[in-house]
Amino acid sequence: DRSLMQSKIVERLRAVEFRNRLLGSLYLDQAFLAGNGNYLRSEILWAAGIEPRRKAASLTS
């Protein structure tokens, strides 16, 4: 279920342990989202138009 996955990611982005991390490194962290590698991280951030040096806390919904 795609909406469940999106809501889980948003929940984790707002979590204390993740919100002050840079998105580029956060998407490689298996504790945040298992299964992503450098290729997927780059593609996800590029497709979303998000700078990898941006912090999770700076995102808005």
C-alpha atoms as a PDB file:
ATOM      1  CA  ASP A   1       0.000   0.000   0.000  1.00  0.00           C
ATOM      2  CA  ARG A   2       1.708   3.145  -1.262  1.00  0.00           C
ATOM      3  CA  SER A   3       0.017   5.529   1.205  1.00  0.00           C
ATOM      4  CA  LEU A   4       1.147   3.409   4.142  1.00  0.00           C
ATOM      5  CA  MET A   5       4.720   3.602   2.913  1.00  0.00           C
ATOM      6  CA  GLN A   6       4.532   7.378   2.412  1.00  0.00           C
ATOM      7  CA  SER A   7       3.071   7.940   5.863  1.00  0.00           C
ATOM      8  CA  LYS A   8       5.777   5.763   7.438  1.00  0.00           C
ATOM      9  CA  ILE A   9       8.539   7.735   5.704  1.00  0.00           C
ATOM     10  CA  VAL A  10       7.032  11.075   6.792  1.00  0.00           C
ATOM     11  CA  GLU A  11       6.766   9.748  10.350  1.00  0.00           C
ATOM     12  CA  ARG A  12      10.431   8.753  10.307  1.00  0.00           C
ATOM     13  CA  LEU A  13      11.565  12.071   8.774  1.00  0.00           C
ATOM     14  CA  ARG A  14       9.931  13.858  11.719  1.00  0.00           C
ATOM     15  CA  ALA A  15      11.377  11.495  14.344  1.00  0.00           C
ATOM     16  CA  VAL A  16      13.956  12.943  16.744  1.00  0.00           C
ATOM     17  CA  GLU A  17      16.689  10.511  15.684  1.00  0.00           C
ATOM     18  CA  PHE A  18      16.377  11.409  11.983  1.00  0.00           C
ATOM     19  CA  ARG A  19      15.104  15.011  11.600  1.00  0.00           C
ATOM     20  CA  ASN A  20      18.489  16.748  11.906  1.00  0.00           C
ATOM     21  CA  ARG A  21      20.275  14.435   9.476  1.00  0.00           C
ATOM     22  CA  LEU A  22      21.234  15.337   5.920  1.00  0.00           C
ATOM     23  CA  LEU A  23      18.927  13.645   3.438  1.00  0.00           C
ATOM     24  CA  GLY A  24      21.809  12.331   1.334  1.00  0.00           C
ATOM     25  CA  SER A  25      23.177  10.274   4.211  1.00  0.00           C
ATOM     26  CA  LEU A  26      19.785   9.548   5.735  1.00  0.00           C
ATOM     27  CA  TYR A  27      18.594   7.684   2.635  1.00  0.00           C
ATOM     28  CA  LEU A  28      21.625   5.377   2.907  1.00  0.00           C
ATOM     29  CA  ASP A  29      20.930   4.592   6.575  1.00  0.00           C
ATOM     30  CA  GLN A  30      19.392   1.104   6.766  1.00  0.00           C
ATOM     31  CA  ALA A  31      17.767   1.995  10.107  1.00  0.00           C
ATOM     32  CA  PHE A  32      15.814   4.746   8.334  1.00  0.00           C
ATOM     33  CA  LEU A  33      14.799   2.908   5.172  1.00  0.00           C
ATOM     34  CA  ALA A  34      16.211  -0.533   4.485  1.00  0.00           C
ATOM     35  CA  GLY A  35      17.219  -1.555   0.982  1.00  0.00           C
ATOM     36  CA  ASN A  36      18.297   1.778  -0.475  1.00  0.00           C
ATOM     37  CA  GLY A  37      21.715   2.099  -2.013  1.00  0.00           C
ATOM     38  CA  ASN A  38      23.555   5.038  -3.514  1.00  0.00           C
ATOM     39  CA  TYR A  39      21.821   4.625  -6.884  1.00  0.00           C
ATOM     40  CA  LEU A  40      18.294   4.714  -5.415  1.00  0.00           C
ATOM     41  CA  ARG A  41      19.181   7.535  -3.041  1.00  0.00           C
ATOM     42  CA  SER A  42      20.390   9.685  -5.928  1.00  0.00           C
ATOM     43  CA  GLU A  43      17.388   8.872  -8.106  1.00  0.00           C
ATOM     44  CA  ILE A  44      14.855   9.538  -5.314  1.00  0.00           C
ATOM     45  CA  LEU A  45      16.344  12.906  -4.380  1.00  0.00           C
ATOM     46  CA  TRP A  46      16.833  13.967  -8.013  1.00  0.00           C
ATOM     47  CA  ALA A  47      13.261  13.016  -8.990  1.00  0.00           C
ATOM     48  CA  ALA A  48      11.935  14.972  -6.007  1.00  0.00           C
ATOM     49  CA  GLY A  49      14.163  17.958  -6.798  1.00  0.00           C
ATOM     50  CA  ILE A  50      15.697  17.881  -3.322  1.00  0.00           C
ATOM     51  CA  GLU A  51      19.302  18.814  -2.531  1.00  0.00           C
ATOM     52  CA  PRO A  52      21.061  15.921  -0.689  1.00  0.00           C
ATOM     53  CA  ARG A  53      22.640  18.387   1.781  1.00  0.00           C
ATOM     54  CA  ARG A  54      19.228  19.480   2.980  1.00  0.00           C
ATOM     55  CA  LYS A  55      18.135  18.385   6.466  1.00  0.00           C
ATOM     56  CA  ALA A  56      15.005  16.315   6.986  1.00  0.00           C
ATOM     57  CA  ALA A  57      13.637  18.968   9.385  1.00  0.00           C
ATOM     58  CA  SER A  58      13.615  21.533   6.550  1.00  0.00           C
ATOM     59  CA  LEU A  59      11.031  19.593   4.519  1.00  0.00           C
ATOM     60  CA  THR A  60       7.370  20.576   4.462  1.00  0.00           C
ATOM     61  CA  SER A  61       4.420  18.400   3.531  1.00  0.00           C
END
